[in-house]
Amino acid sequence: MWLEARSTLTSKPSKKKKAAAAANPNERVITHNRKARHNYTVFDTLECGIMLVGSEVKSLRNGRVSLEESYARVRDGDVWLIGCDIAEYVEANRLNHNPRRPRKLLLHRRELKRFAQRAHEKGLTLVPLQMHFKRGLAKVVLGICRGKQRHDKREVMKKAQATRDIQRQMTQRK
């Protein structure tokens, strides 16, 4: 009985997790903004750091974060992540953080000028696409994006369906 319970506790990681860990052992993805690729056309991306307090880092390590409704804005020469929901860390009690507070993103000045001004001039939006740990530090991948219209989304879905149908036909012929 004891051996059976022990075997369930020490289950092996899935193939996907093994492949992700083997790709780069210093990086661990926390979350993806899946809706961003569907709702926006991404022109360029940039990885930047994020200023966090201790309870936020603990929550991130538990994977308790949502990028669904978040975006970035340039305010007073700094880039701020707005609307990112990092859940409260239960064990932090009175030292906990506000889950939806604006968080400062860390960029070099030249990156800030190149990236943020380009977005401001053309009426584009800065959208967080992914959050991950790199060498123990939390990073956010920002994208310069333009919102897709409904007909653009339909075209993308039609192309994806066509490529799926072609692949299905190719596998059936073999």
C-alpha atoms as a PDB file:
ATOM      1  CA  MET A   1       0.000   0.000   0.000  1.00  0.00           C
ATOM      2  CA  TRP A   2       2.769   2.424   0.911  1.00  0.00           C
ATOM      3  CA  LEU A   3       4.649   1.681  -2.322  1.00  0.00           C
ATOM      4  CA  GLU A   4       1.571   2.370  -4.445  1.00  0.00           C
ATOM      5  CA  ALA A   5       1.044   5.787  -2.849  1.00  0.00           C
ATOM      6  CA  ARG A   6       4.705   6.628  -3.262  1.00  0.00           C
ATOM      7  CA  SER A   7       4.713   5.795  -6.978  1.00  0.00           C
ATOM      8  CA  THR A   8       1.875   8.247  -7.642  1.00  0.00           C
ATOM      9  CA  LEU A   9       3.720  11.025  -5.820  1.00  0.00           C
ATOM     10  CA  THR A  10       6.874  10.642  -7.895  1.00  0.00           C
ATOM     11  CA  SER A  11       5.310  10.679 -11.349  1.00  0.00           C
ATOM     12  CA  LYS A  12       7.519  11.389 -14.330  1.00  0.00           C
ATOM     13  CA  PRO A  13       7.221  14.740 -16.131  1.00  0.00           C
ATOM     14  CA  SER A  14       5.435  14.715 -19.483  1.00  0.00           C
ATOM     15  CA  LYS A  15       7.271  14.716 -22.805  1.00  0.00           C
ATOM     16  CA  LYS A  16       6.369  18.356 -23.459  1.00  0.00           C
ATOM     17  CA  LYS A  17       7.838  19.470 -20.141  1.00  0.00           C
ATOM     18  CA  LYS A  18      10.987  17.447 -20.773  1.00  0.00           C
ATOM     19  CA  ALA A  19      11.408  18.976 -24.228  1.00  0.00           C
ATOM     20  CA  ALA A  20      10.898  22.500 -22.874  1.00  0.00           C
ATOM     21  CA  ALA A  21      13.398  21.933 -20.069  1.00  0.00           C
ATOM     22  CA  ALA A  22      15.949  20.429 -22.455  1.00  0.00           C
ATOM     23  CA  ALA A  23      15.647  23.367 -24.868  1.00  0.00           C
ATOM     24  CA  ASN A  24      17.045  25.871 -22.370  1.00  0.00           C
ATOM     25  CA  PRO A  25      17.541  24.939 -18.712  1.00  0.00           C
ATOM     26  CA  ASN A  26      17.894  28.613 -17.656  1.00  0.00           C
ATOM     27  CA  GLU A  27      14.445  29.606 -18.953  1.00  0.00           C
ATOM     28  CA  ARG A  28      11.040  28.622 -17.609  1.00  0.00           C
ATOM     29  CA  VAL A  29       7.850  29.968 -19.183  1.00  0.00           C
ATOM     30  CA  ILE A  30       5.294  31.171 -16.659  1.00  0.00           C
ATOM     31  CA  THR A  31       2.441  32.149 -18.953  1.00  0.00           C
ATOM     32  CA  HIS A  32       1.554  33.001 -22.559  1.00  0.00           C
ATOM     33  CA  ASN A  33      -0.963  35.587 -23.685  1.00  0.00           C
ATOM     34  CA  ARG A  34      -2.780  33.296 -26.122  1.00  0.00           C
ATOM     35  CA  LYS A  35      -5.416  35.845 -27.059  1.00  0.00           C
ATOM     36  CA  ALA A  36      -2.781  38.382 -28.123  1.00  0.00           C
ATOM     37  CA  ARG A  37      -1.738  36.419 -31.231  1.00  0.00           C
ATOM     38  CA  HIS A  38      -5.408  36.005 -32.148  1.00  0.00           C
ATOM     39  CA  ASN A  39      -6.508  39.611 -31.556  1.00  0.00           C
ATOM     40  CA  TYR A  40      -3.357  41.429 -32.727  1.00  0.00           C
ATOM     41  CA  THR A  41      -0.852  41.369 -35.547  1.00  0.00           C
ATOM     42  CA  VAL A  42       2.600  41.351 -33.926  1.00  0.00           C
ATOM     43  CA  PHE A  43       5.268  43.381 -35.774  1.00  0.00           C
ATOM     44  CA  ASP A  44       8.217  43.251 -33.370  1.00  0.00           C
ATOM     45  CA  THR A  45       9.027  41.833 -29.927  1.00  0.00           C
ATOM     46  CA  LEU A  46      11.334  42.836 -27.098  1.00  0.00           C
ATOM     47  CA  GLU A  47      12.253  41.115 -23.841  1.00  0.00           C
ATOM     48  CA  CYS A  48      12.331  43.382 -20.791  1.00  0.00           C
ATOM     49  CA  GLY A  49      12.627  43.015 -17.033  1.00  0.00           C
ATOM     50  CA  ILE A  50       9.874  43.765 -14.545  1.00  0.00           C
ATOM     51  CA  MET A  51      10.006  45.301 -11.048  1.00  0.00           C
ATOM     52  CA  LEU A  52       8.255  43.042  -8.546  1.00  0.00           C
ATOM     53  CA  VAL A  53       7.923  42.680  -4.788  1.00  0.00           C
ATOM     54  CA  GLY A  54       8.670  39.394  -3.017  1.00  0.00           C
ATOM     55  CA  SER A  55       5.116  38.076  -2.772  1.00  0.00           C
ATOM     56  CA  GLU A  56       4.623  38.685  -6.515  1.00  0.00           C
ATOM     57  CA  VAL A  57       7.684  36.578  -7.336  1.00  0.00           C
ATOM     58  CA  LYS A  58       6.360  33.759  -5.130  1.00  0.00           C
ATOM     59  CA  SER A  59       3.013  33.937  -6.926  1.00  0.00           C
ATOM     60  CA  LEU A  60       4.753  33.856 -10.319  1.00  0.00           C
ATOM     61  CA  ARG A  61       6.697  30.746  -9.313  1.00  0.00           C
ATOM     62  CA  ASN A  62       3.342  29.113  -8.543  1.00  0.00           C
ATOM     63  CA  GLY A  63       2.075  30.194 -11.992  1.00  0.00           C
ATOM     64  CA  ARG A  64      -0.684  32.436 -10.617  1.00  0.00           C
ATOM     65  CA  VAL A  65      -0.645  35.201 -13.241  1.00  0.00           C
ATOM     66  CA  SER A  66      -2.892  36.357 -16.082  1.00  0.00           C
ATOM     67  CA  LEU A  67      -1.835  38.543 -19.019  1.00  0.00           C
ATOM     68  CA  GLU A  68      -5.227  38.426 -20.760  1.00  0.00           C
ATOM     69  CA  GLU A  69      -6.330  42.053 -20.325  1.00  0.00           C
ATOM     70  CA  SER A  70      -2.939  43.673 -19.862  1.00  0.00           C
ATOM     71  CA  TYR A  71      -1.076  46.211 -21.968  1.00  0.00           C
ATOM     72  CA  ALA A  72       1.935  48.513 -21.615  1.00  0.00           C
ATOM     73  CA  ARG A  73       2.019  52.320 -21.636  1.00  0.00           C
ATOM     74  CA  VAL A  74       4.808  54.886 -21.698  1.00  0.00           C
ATOM     75  CA  ARG A  75       4.445  57.352 -18.803  1.00  0.00           C
ATOM     76  CA  ASP A  76       7.056  59.938 -17.788  1.00  0.00           C
ATOM     77  CA  GLY A  77       9.822  58.239 -19.768  1.00  0.00           C
ATOM     78  CA  ASP A  78       9.146  54.773 -18.314  1.00  0.00           C
ATOM     79  CA  VAL A  79       7.159  51.793 -19.579  1.00  0.00           C
ATOM     80  CA  TRP A  80       4.453  50.468 -17.234  1.00  0.00           C
ATOM     81  CA  LEU A  81       2.602  47.160 -17.429  1.00  0.00           C
ATOM     82  CA  ILE A  82      -1.058  47.836 -16.699  1.00  0.00           C
ATOM     83  CA  GLY A  83      -3.812  45.310 -16.019  1.00  0.00           C
ATOM     84  CA  CYS A  84      -1.574  42.316 -15.357  1.00  0.00           C
ATOM     85  CA  ASP A  85      -3.192  40.209 -12.643  1.00  0.00           C
ATOM     86  CA  ILE A  86      -0.696  38.497 -10.324  1.00  0.00           C
ATOM     87  CA  ALA A  87      -2.744  36.711  -7.652  1.00  0.00           C
ATOM     88  CA  GLU A  88      -1.993  37.337  -3.994  1.00  0.00           C
ATOM     89  CA  TYR A  89       0.398  34.913  -2.351  1.00  0.00           C
ATOM     90  CA  VAL A  90      -1.536  33.210   0.444  1.00  0.00           C
ATOM     91  CA  GLU A  91       1.371  32.876   2.885  1.00  0.00           C
ATOM     92  CA  ALA A  92       2.356  36.566   2.596  1.00  0.00           C
ATOM     93  CA  ASN A  93      -0.601  37.723   4.813  1.00  0.00           C
ATOM     94  CA  ARG A  94      -0.330  41.467   5.638  1.00  0.00           C
ATOM     95  CA  LEU A  95       2.758  41.985   3.446  1.00  0.00           C
ATOM     96  CA  ASN A  96       0.836  41.000   0.336  1.00  0.00           C
ATOM     97  CA  HIS A  97       0.662  43.046  -2.855  1.00  0.00           C
ATOM     98  CA  ASN A  98      -2.185  44.610  -4.824  1.00  0.00           C
ATOM     99  CA  PRO A  99      -2.935  42.045  -7.592  1.00  0.00           C
ATOM    100  CA  ARG A 100      -3.590  44.524 -10.431  1.00  0.00           C
ATOM    101  CA  ARG A 101      -1.187  47.340  -9.588  1.00  0.00           C
ATOM    102  CA  PRO A 102       0.845  48.945 -12.428  1.00  0.00           C
ATOM    103  CA  ARG A 103       4.337  47.450 -12.643  1.00  0.00           C
ATOM    104  CA  LYS A 104       7.395  49.178 -14.055  1.00  0.00           C
ATOM    105  CA  LEU A 105       9.139  47.461 -16.964  1.00  0.00           C
ATOM    106  CA  LEU A 106      12.916  47.710 -17.176  1.00  0.00           C
ATOM    107  CA  LEU A 107      14.403  48.732 -20.524  1.00  0.00           C
ATOM    108  CA  HIS A 108      17.570  50.411 -21.675  1.00  0.00           C
ATOM    109  CA  ARG A 109      17.024  53.994 -22.805  1.00  0.00           C
ATOM    110  CA  ARG A 110      17.874  53.227 -26.429  1.00  0.00           C
ATOM    111  CA  GLU A 111      15.416  50.297 -26.445  1.00  0.00           C
ATOM    112  CA  LEU A 112      12.763  52.520 -24.896  1.00  0.00           C
ATOM    113  CA  LYS A 113      13.233  55.222 -27.525  1.00  0.00           C
ATOM    114  CA  ARG A 114      13.265  52.815 -30.454  1.00  0.00           C
ATOM    115  CA  PHE A 115      10.424  50.614 -29.283  1.00  0.00           C
ATOM    116  CA  ALA A 116       7.966  52.891 -27.495  1.00  0.00           C
ATOM    117  CA  GLN A 117       8.218  55.855 -29.851  1.00  0.00           C
ATOM    118  CA  ARG A 118       7.640  53.611 -32.843  1.00  0.00           C
ATOM    119  CA  ALA A 119       4.480  52.316 -31.205  1.00  0.00           C
ATOM    120  CA  HIS A 120       3.292  55.812 -30.325  1.00  0.00           C
ATOM    121  CA  GLU A 121       3.880  57.299 -33.792  1.00  0.00           C
ATOM    122  CA  LYS A 122       2.002  54.680 -35.775  1.00  0.00           C
ATOM    123  CA  GLY A 123      -0.860  54.209 -33.317  1.00  0.00           C
ATOM    124  CA  LEU A 124       0.266  50.716 -32.323  1.00  0.00           C
ATOM    125  CA  THR A 125      -0.120  49.031 -28.931  1.00  0.00           C
ATOM    126  CA  LEU A 126       2.425  47.451 -26.596  1.00  0.00           C
ATOM    127  CA  VAL A 127       1.043  44.051 -25.579  1.00  0.00           C
ATOM    128  CA  PRO A 128       2.718  41.492 -23.277  1.00  0.00           C
ATOM    129  CA  LEU A 129       2.994  38.187 -25.134  1.00  0.00           C
ATOM    130  CA  GLN A 130       4.784  36.006 -22.598  1.00  0.00           C
ATOM    131  CA  MET A 131       6.185  36.045 -19.078  1.00  0.00           C
ATOM    132  CA  HIS A 132       9.096  33.797 -18.089  1.00  0.00           C
ATOM    133  CA  PHE A 133      12.017  33.347 -15.717  1.00  0.00           C
ATOM    134  CA  LYS A 134      15.491  33.706 -17.218  1.00  0.00           C
ATOM    135  CA  ARG A 135      18.403  32.880 -14.910  1.00  0.00           C
ATOM    136  CA  GLY A 136      16.059  33.413 -11.947  1.00  0.00           C
ATOM    137  CA  LEU A 137      14.809  36.846 -13.068  1.00  0.00           C
ATOM    138  CA  ALA A 138      11.261  37.535 -14.222  1.00  0.00           C
ATOM    139  CA  LYS A 139      11.048  38.781 -17.808  1.00  0.00           C
ATOM    140  CA  VAL A 140       8.185  39.985 -20.005  1.00  0.00           C
ATOM    141  CA  VAL A 141       8.154  39.697 -23.802  1.00  0.00           C
ATOM    142  CA  LEU A 142       6.424  42.801 -25.188  1.00  0.00           C
ATOM    143  CA  GLY A 143       5.153  43.031 -28.731  1.00  0.00           C
ATOM    144  CA  ILE A 144       4.378  46.030 -30.908  1.00  0.00           C
ATOM    145  CA  CYS A 145       0.933  45.104 -32.165  1.00  0.00           C
ATOM    146  CA  ARG A 146      -1.959  46.377 -34.245  1.00  0.00           C
ATOM    147  CA  GLY A 147      -5.466  45.123 -33.528  1.00  0.00           C
ATOM    148  CA  LYS A 148      -6.929  42.771 -36.113  1.00  0.00           C
ATOM    149  CA  GLN A 149     -10.280  43.457 -37.687  1.00  0.00           C
ATOM    150  CA  ARG A 150     -12.877  40.690 -37.796  1.00  0.00           C
ATOM    151  CA  HIS A 151     -12.232  39.973 -41.490  1.00  0.00           C
ATOM    152  CA  ASP A 152      -8.481  39.632 -40.809  1.00  0.00           C
ATOM    153  CA  LYS A 153      -9.187  37.005 -38.157  1.00  0.00           C
ATOM    154  CA  ARG A 154     -11.408  35.110 -40.588  1.00  0.00           C
ATOM    155  CA  GLU A 155      -8.680  35.084 -43.241  1.00  0.00           C
ATOM    156  CA  VAL A 156      -6.146  33.691 -40.772  1.00  0.00           C
ATOM    157  CA  MET A 157      -8.611  30.989 -39.699  1.00  0.00           C
ATOM    158  CA  LYS A 158      -9.285  30.049 -43.348  1.00  0.00           C
ATOM    159  CA  LYS A 159      -5.556  29.746 -44.087  1.00  0.00           C
ATOM    160  CA  ALA A 160      -4.995  27.604 -40.989  1.00  0.00           C
ATOM    161  CA  GLN A 161      -7.902  25.330 -41.940  1.00  0.00           C
ATOM    162  CA  ALA A 162      -6.559  24.979 -45.494  1.00  0.00           C
ATOM    163  CA  THR A 163      -3.083  23.987 -44.277  1.00  0.00           C
ATOM    164  CA  ARG A 164      -4.664  21.480 -41.851  1.00  0.00           C
ATOM    165  CA  ASP A 165      -6.696  19.965 -44.699  1.00  0.00           C
ATOM    166  CA  ILE A 166      -3.585  19.695 -46.886  1.00  0.00           C
ATOM    167  CA  GLN A 167      -1.642  17.997 -44.090  1.00  0.00           C
ATOM    168  CA  ARG A 168      -4.531  15.601 -43.461  1.00  0.00           C
ATOM    169  CA  GLN A 169      -4.654  14.678 -47.168  1.00  0.00           C
ATOM    170  CA  MET A 170      -0.891  14.140 -47.273  1.00  0.00           C
ATOM    171  CA  THR A 171      -0.957  11.798 -44.279  1.00  0.00           C
ATOM    172  CA  GLN A 172      -3.891   9.818 -45.736  1.00  0.00           C
ATOM    173  CA  ARG A 173      -2.018   9.174 -48.995  1.00  0.00           C
ATOM    174  CA  LYS A 174       0.948   7.600 -47.220  1.00  0.00           C
END
